[in-house]
Protein backbone atom coordinates (compact mmCIF):
# COMPACT_ATOMS: atom_id res chain seq x y z
CA MET A 1 161.44 110.05 80.37
CA ALA A 2 159.49 111.05 83.48
CA THR A 3 156.36 111.50 81.40
CA SER A 4 156.74 108.03 79.89
CA LEU A 5 157.23 106.39 83.28
CA SER A 6 154.23 108.21 84.70
CA THR A 7 152.04 107.12 81.78
CA THR A 8 153.20 103.52 82.13
CA PHE A 9 152.55 103.53 85.88
CA PHE A 10 149.08 104.98 85.38
CA ALA A 11 148.21 102.33 82.80
CA ILE A 12 149.34 99.55 85.12
CA SER A 13 147.33 101.05 87.99
CA VAL A 14 144.16 101.28 85.94
CA SER A 15 144.60 97.72 84.71
CA SER A 16 145.15 96.44 88.25
CA CYS A 17 142.14 98.29 89.60
CA SER A 18 139.94 97.01 86.81
CA SER A 19 141.03 93.43 87.29
CA PHE A 20 140.60 93.77 91.08
CA GLU A 21 137.11 95.20 90.69
CA THR A 22 136.17 92.38 88.32
CA ARG A 23 137.41 89.75 90.76
CA ASN A 24 135.64 91.52 93.59
CA CYS A 25 132.33 91.52 91.73
CA ARG A 26 132.71 87.86 90.83
CA ASN A 27 133.54 86.90 94.39
CA SER A 28 130.65 88.92 95.75
CA ALA A 29 128.30 87.40 93.20
CA SER A 30 129.32 83.90 94.18
CA PHE A 31 128.99 84.79 97.86
CA TYR A 32 125.49 86.16 97.52
CA SER A 33 124.46 83.22 95.36
CA ARG A 34 125.43 80.93 98.20
CA ASN A 35 123.80 83.23 100.76
CA PRO A 36 120.47 84.51 99.42
CA ILE A 37 119.42 87.90 100.67
CA ILE A 38 116.17 88.21 102.56
CA TYR A 39 114.32 91.37 101.61
CA ASN A 40 113.55 93.78 104.42
CA PRO A 41 111.67 96.88 103.22
CA LEU A 42 112.30 98.69 106.49
CA SER A 43 116.06 98.34 106.47
CA SER A 44 118.16 101.07 104.92
CA SER A 45 121.61 99.68 105.69
CA SER A 46 122.07 97.33 102.72
CA SER A 47 125.42 97.60 100.91
CA PHE A 48 127.03 95.65 98.06
CA PRO A 49 130.57 95.45 96.68
CA CYS A 50 129.80 96.69 93.20
CA SER A 51 127.24 98.86 91.44
CA SER A 52 126.10 96.20 88.96
CA HIS A 53 125.25 93.79 91.75
CA ARG A 54 123.50 96.59 93.59
CA LEU A 55 121.23 97.27 90.60
CA LEU A 56 120.50 93.57 90.17
CA SER A 57 119.63 93.24 93.85
CA ARG A 58 117.20 96.14 93.67
CA LYS A 59 115.38 94.38 90.84
CA LEU A 60 115.28 91.17 92.87
CA TYR A 61 113.92 93.12 95.84
CA ARG A 62 111.03 94.46 93.80
CA ILE A 63 110.23 90.98 92.49
CA GLN A 64 110.28 89.50 95.98
CA ALA A 65 108.10 92.32 97.33
CA THR A 66 105.53 91.69 94.61
CA ILE A 67 105.46 87.98 95.40
CA LEU A 68 104.94 88.66 99.10
CA GLN A 69 102.09 91.08 98.45
CA ASP A 70 100.39 88.65 96.06
CA ASN A 71 100.54 85.84 98.62
CA GLU A 72 99.21 87.47 101.78
CA GLU A 73 98.30 84.12 103.30
CA LYS A 74 101.94 83.20 103.88
CA VAL A 75 102.12 84.87 107.29
CA ALA A 76 103.97 82.48 109.61
CA VAL A 77 104.55 82.86 113.33
CA GLU A 78 107.52 80.48 113.25
CA ASP A 79 109.41 82.73 110.80
CA SER A 80 108.65 85.94 112.65
CA PHE A 81 112.13 86.56 114.02
CA GLN A 82 115.52 85.27 112.94
CA PRO A 83 117.97 85.02 115.85
CA LYS A 84 120.93 85.18 113.47
CA SER A 85 120.22 88.74 112.34
CA PHE A 86 121.37 91.58 114.54
CA PRO A 87 121.24 94.70 112.33
CA ASP A 88 122.56 97.02 115.02
CA ASN A 89 125.97 95.31 114.88
CA GLU A 90 126.29 95.06 111.11
CA GLY A 91 128.69 97.28 109.25
CA LYS A 92 129.83 99.24 112.30
CA GLY A 93 133.29 97.72 112.62
CA ILE A 94 132.69 96.69 116.23
CA SER A 95 135.39 94.39 117.57
CA VAL A 96 133.84 91.68 119.76
CA ASP A 97 135.53 88.85 121.57
CA PRO A 98 134.66 85.64 119.63
CA LEU A 99 133.93 83.66 122.82
CA GLU A 100 131.77 86.43 124.23
CA SER A 101 129.98 86.86 120.91
CA THR A 102 129.30 83.12 120.62
CA SER A 103 127.99 82.80 124.15
CA SER A 104 125.78 85.86 123.83
CA SER A 105 124.48 84.63 120.47
CA VAL A 106 123.56 81.23 121.93
CA LEU A 107 121.87 82.89 124.91
CA GLU A 108 119.99 85.23 122.59
CA ARG A 109 118.70 82.35 120.46
CA TRP A 110 117.53 80.42 123.51
CA THR A 111 115.84 83.52 124.89
CA ILE A 112 113.98 84.09 121.64
CA LYS A 113 112.98 80.45 121.48
CA VAL A 114 111.57 80.54 125.02
CA GLU A 115 109.72 83.81 124.39
CA GLN A 116 108.11 82.55 121.21
CA SER A 117 107.20 79.19 122.77
CA VAL A 118 105.41 80.95 125.63
CA ASN A 119 103.60 83.27 123.22
CA ILE A 120 102.44 80.43 120.99
CA PHE A 121 101.25 78.43 124.01
CA LEU A 122 99.24 81.40 125.34
CA THR A 123 97.75 82.13 121.92
CA ASP A 124 96.75 78.52 121.34
CA SER A 125 95.12 78.39 124.77
CA VAL A 126 92.98 81.46 124.05
CA ILE A 127 92.08 80.10 120.61
CA LYS A 128 90.77 76.87 122.13
CA ILE A 129 88.56 78.85 124.52
CA LEU A 130 87.19 80.98 121.69
CA ASP A 131 86.58 77.90 119.53
CA THR A 132 84.53 76.39 122.36
CA LEU A 133 82.48 79.50 123.10
CA TYR A 134 82.02 80.81 119.56
CA HIS A 135 81.89 77.75 117.35
CA ASP A 136 79.10 79.06 115.09
CA ARG A 137 78.65 82.68 116.27
CA HIS A 138 80.98 84.46 113.86
CA TYR A 139 80.13 88.13 114.48
CA ALA A 140 80.28 87.71 118.25
CA ARG A 141 83.68 86.03 117.91
CA PHE A 142 84.91 88.87 115.70
CA PHE A 143 83.67 91.41 118.25
CA VAL A 144 85.70 89.70 121.00
CA LEU A 145 88.76 89.46 118.74
CA GLU A 146 88.68 93.13 117.78
CA THR A 147 88.15 94.23 121.38
CA ILE A 148 91.26 92.28 122.36
CA ALA A 149 93.35 93.07 119.27
CA ARG A 150 93.44 96.84 119.84
CA VAL A 151 94.66 96.54 123.44
CA PRO A 152 98.40 95.94 122.75
CA TYR A 153 98.73 99.22 120.89
CA PHE A 154 97.34 101.10 123.89
CA ALA A 155 99.86 99.28 126.07
CA PHE A 156 102.78 100.04 123.74
CA MET A 157 101.94 103.74 123.68
CA SER A 158 101.52 103.85 127.46
CA VAL A 159 105.01 102.45 128.03
CA LEU A 160 106.54 104.67 125.34
CA HIS A 161 105.00 107.75 126.96
CA MET A 162 106.39 106.60 130.31
CA TYR A 163 109.87 106.36 128.80
CA GLU A 164 109.47 109.90 127.47
CA SER A 165 108.61 111.05 130.99
CA PHE A 166 111.77 109.37 132.30
CA GLY A 167 113.77 111.17 129.62
CA TRP A 168 115.29 107.99 128.27
CA TRP A 169 114.33 108.11 124.61
CA ARG A 170 111.51 109.09 122.32
CA ARG A 171 110.17 107.09 119.40
CA ALA A 172 107.99 109.37 117.31
CA ASP A 173 107.52 106.83 114.52
CA TYR A 174 106.56 104.10 116.97
CA LEU A 175 103.89 106.29 118.54
CA LYS A 176 102.48 107.28 115.15
CA VAL A 177 102.33 103.74 113.80
CA HIS A 178 100.89 102.23 116.99
CA PHE A 179 98.18 104.90 117.16
CA ALA A 180 97.30 104.25 113.52
CA GLU A 181 97.09 100.53 114.30
CA SER A 182 94.72 101.17 117.21
CA TRP A 183 92.66 103.47 114.95
CA ASN A 184 92.36 100.69 112.38
CA GLU A 185 91.35 98.11 114.99
CA MET A 186 88.79 100.51 116.44
CA HIS A 187 87.03 100.70 113.08
CA HIS A 188 87.07 96.92 112.84
CA LEU A 189 85.32 96.91 116.20
CA LEU A 190 82.77 99.49 115.05
CA ILE A 191 82.00 97.33 112.02
CA MET A 192 81.38 94.27 114.21
CA GLU A 193 79.14 96.30 116.50
CA GLU A 194 77.10 97.49 113.52
CA LEU A 195 76.74 93.85 112.45
CA GLY A 196 75.37 92.96 115.91
CA GLY A 197 78.43 91.23 117.32
CA ASN A 198 77.98 92.89 120.72
CA ALA A 199 74.29 92.06 121.16
CA TRP A 200 74.78 89.65 124.05
CA TRP A 201 75.76 90.92 127.50
CA PHE A 202 78.01 87.91 128.08
CA ASP A 203 80.08 88.70 124.97
CA ARG A 204 80.62 92.28 126.07
CA PHE A 205 81.48 91.21 129.62
CA LEU A 206 83.98 88.59 128.44
CA ALA A 207 85.67 90.79 125.84
CA GLN A 208 86.04 93.80 128.14
CA HIS A 209 87.43 91.84 131.09
CA ILE A 210 89.88 89.96 128.91
CA ALA A 211 90.97 93.31 127.45
CA VAL A 212 91.70 94.74 130.92
CA PHE A 213 93.81 91.72 131.89
CA TYR A 214 95.51 91.71 128.48
CA TYR A 215 96.43 95.40 128.82
CA PHE A 216 98.35 95.01 132.07
CA MET A 217 99.95 91.78 130.87
CA THR A 218 101.17 93.51 127.69
CA VAL A 219 102.48 96.50 129.62
CA PHE A 220 104.53 94.22 131.86
CA MET A 221 105.73 92.15 128.91
CA TYR A 222 106.66 95.26 126.91
CA ILE A 223 108.67 96.64 129.82
CA VAL A 224 110.58 93.38 130.27
CA SER A 225 110.98 92.41 126.59
CA PRO A 226 109.51 94.51 123.76
CA ARG A 227 110.52 91.81 121.32
CA MET A 228 108.38 89.25 123.16
CA ALA A 229 105.44 91.66 123.38
CA TYR A 230 105.59 92.38 119.65
CA HIS A 231 105.78 88.69 118.83
CA PHE A 232 102.78 87.93 121.03
CA SER A 233 100.82 90.65 119.25
CA GLU A 234 101.90 89.15 115.94
CA CYS A 235 100.51 85.78 117.08
CA VAL A 236 97.17 87.40 117.90
CA GLU A 237 97.06 89.25 114.58
CA MET A 238 97.97 86.09 112.68
CA HIS A 239 95.09 84.24 114.31
CA ALA A 240 92.76 87.08 113.34
CA PHE A 241 94.04 86.89 109.76
CA ALA A 242 93.47 83.12 109.61
CA THR A 243 89.99 83.46 111.14
CA TYR A 244 88.83 86.09 108.65
CA ASP A 245 90.46 84.25 105.75
CA LYS A 246 88.59 81.03 106.56
CA PHE A 247 85.33 82.91 107.10
CA ILE A 248 85.33 84.72 103.74
CA LYS A 249 86.20 81.53 101.87
CA VAL A 250 83.31 79.62 103.43
CA GLN A 251 80.74 82.46 103.36
CA GLU A 252 81.79 84.17 100.12
CA ASP A 253 78.52 83.74 98.24
CA GLU A 254 76.36 84.92 101.13
CA LEU A 255 78.59 87.88 101.95
CA LYS A 256 78.49 89.17 98.37
CA LYS A 257 74.69 89.44 98.62
CA MET A 258 74.78 91.62 101.76
CA PRO A 259 75.39 95.39 101.84
CA ALA A 260 78.47 96.91 103.43
CA PRO A 261 78.09 98.68 106.80
CA GLU A 262 78.15 102.45 106.54
CA VAL A 263 81.08 102.78 108.96
CA ALA A 264 83.17 100.50 106.73
CA VAL A 265 82.42 102.54 103.60
CA LYS A 266 83.39 105.77 105.35
CA TYR A 267 86.59 104.37 106.83
CA TYR A 268 87.96 102.69 103.71
CA THR A 269 86.84 105.10 100.98
CA GLU A 270 86.09 108.55 102.41
CA GLY A 271 87.91 111.34 104.21
CA ASP A 272 91.57 111.59 105.07
CA LEU A 273 93.26 108.19 104.69
CA TYR A 274 96.56 109.25 106.28
CA LEU A 275 96.12 106.96 109.29
CA PHE A 276 94.99 104.13 107.01
CA ASP A 277 98.35 104.36 105.22
CA GLU A 278 100.30 104.90 108.44
CA PHE A 279 99.89 101.43 109.95
CA GLN A 280 100.88 99.65 106.71
CA THR A 281 104.64 99.93 107.12
CA SER A 282 105.46 97.35 104.43
CA ARG A 283 104.01 99.39 101.57
CA ALA A 284 104.20 102.96 100.27
CA PRO A 285 101.46 105.44 101.22
CA GLN A 286 98.44 105.56 98.89
CA SER A 287 99.41 102.21 97.32
CA ARG A 288 96.29 100.52 98.69
CA ARG A 289 92.84 101.99 98.15
CA PRO A 290 90.07 99.44 98.89
CA LYS A 291 86.87 99.10 96.90
CA ILE A 292 83.82 98.49 99.07
CA GLU A 293 80.70 97.24 97.26
CA ASN A 294 79.35 94.58 99.61
CA LEU A 295 80.02 92.83 102.91
CA TYR A 296 82.46 90.45 101.25
CA ASP A 297 84.71 93.40 100.32
CA VAL A 298 84.58 94.60 103.92
CA PHE A 299 85.79 91.31 105.39
CA LEU A 300 88.35 90.93 102.62
CA ASN A 301 89.89 94.28 103.57
CA ILE A 302 89.74 93.51 107.28
CA ARG A 303 91.66 90.33 106.56
CA ASP A 304 94.25 92.28 104.56
CA ASP A 305 94.52 94.78 107.43
CA GLU A 306 95.38 91.93 109.80
CA ALA A 307 98.10 90.78 107.40
CA GLU A 308 99.60 94.28 107.45
CA HIS A 309 99.52 94.26 111.26
CA CYS A 310 101.43 90.97 111.20
CA LYS A 311 104.14 92.48 109.00
CA THR A 312 104.44 95.56 111.21
CA MET A 313 104.68 93.50 114.40
CA LYS A 314 107.31 91.33 112.75
CA ALA A 315 109.37 94.42 111.85
CA CYS A 316 109.10 95.76 115.41
CA GLN A 317 110.80 92.65 116.80
CA THR A 318 114.11 94.03 115.53
CA HIS A 319 114.98 96.96 117.78
CA GLY A 320 114.90 100.33 116.02
CA ASN A 321 113.67 98.81 112.75
CA LEU A 322 110.28 100.55 112.56
CA ARG A 323 109.72 103.73 110.60
CA SER A 324 106.58 105.54 109.60
CA PRO A 325 105.67 104.93 105.92
CA HIS A 326 105.36 108.69 105.49
CA SER A 327 108.97 109.25 106.54
CA TYR A 328 110.66 106.98 104.00
CA SER A 329 111.40 109.82 101.59
CA GLU A 330 112.81 112.04 104.31
CA ASP A 331 116.39 112.17 105.43
CA ALA A 332 117.20 109.60 108.11
CA PHE A 333 118.58 112.27 110.44
CA GLU A 334 115.83 114.83 109.88
CA ASP A 335 113.79 113.51 112.83
CA SER A 336 116.75 113.36 115.19
CA GLY A 337 115.24 116.12 117.33
CA CYS A 338 112.60 113.65 118.52
CA ILE A 339 115.12 111.12 119.84
CA LEU A 340 116.92 111.63 123.12
CA PRO A 341 120.56 110.45 122.90
CA GLN A 342 120.90 109.53 126.58
CA ALA A 343 120.19 105.84 126.05
CA ASP A 344 119.37 103.52 123.20
CA CYS A 345 117.75 100.49 124.82
CA GLU A 346 114.78 98.24 124.24
CA GLY A 347 113.03 98.63 127.57
CA ILE A 348 113.35 99.60 131.21
CA VAL A 349 115.21 96.38 132.08
CA ASP A 350 117.63 96.88 129.21
CA CYS A 351 118.15 100.55 130.15
CA ILE A 352 118.96 99.67 133.75
CA LYS A 353 121.30 96.91 132.61
CA LYS A 354 123.18 99.19 130.22
CA SER A 355 123.38 102.00 132.77
CA VAL A 356 125.06 99.60 135.22
CA THR A 357 127.37 97.84 132.76
CA SER A 358 128.39 100.91 130.77
CA PRO A 359 131.82 102.47 131.47
CA GLN A 360 130.21 105.69 132.68
CA GLY A 361 127.95 103.77 135.06
CA LYS A 362 130.88 101.85 136.51
CA ALA A 363 132.92 105.06 136.90
CA ASN A 364 130.13 106.59 139.01
């Protein structure tokens, strides 16, 4: 009798679990159909209610990634940061007061809107100046752009090293990626110099003095709001992408008749390409190997480099979202020795704020 009851109870339990799992999968499917998922190749915290939906989503991810890589021109400043997404608070079971959460969310959205508006205004102002000075002098314009474009990565690394000295936190992946980005921009600059973009004294004077001012401005901006600094750099990189894209479309026939500079051939096709893979955080290492046969190929790859910089700067606008492409296959906690646990904040202002508002800070 006991055996019969046990068997009956087990059968009912299995039937209930199966029906519950089916309903759960259906509900989750309807939910995600109403709320399409935006693919983020740098995020590792995605979770789904059932295994079948998880497999389907992975296929959709790969399809979306292919579409994005095939349409590099769809790099938009306006879509660079979504105020509604706060990955640090997802899936952690944090209980937040609804009124406090709503007010902070509204404040956060307004802050982001103001930051991006200022960045776009500054970028547009610089673009108008460059359009006036370099209307038909393409190589000189590119020389100025590349001199300016590598400055933010120096500024980012300077501030990150300062935080290490303070003992707040270390970001090994950030330092690696930003150095690789500066290395890439340096070779863009060398290419423009070989093409004669720095022949005029005025162009060198203007580019170098703008770079000095831009460095200290970026350092200050990165200390106050890293998100704003990364978005501003994304605006600059997006302008560089659009400039090169327009140039190669207009000058395609002429560029294909000209030989590629030697420095470009060496950088893109020879030697150790570890740093070339490092700054492309949206793709796997060794997935892009350029072919350089003429000057058109050089500018085509420079344009694609700028698109990769845009994607990396966009990823950096979400705190803690950046990882080196070479560390994807490693365990997430394997590099924990490079991160100091004393504070997890975005910048010096945020660290001071959290040290004052934290329970330990108030107790002291």
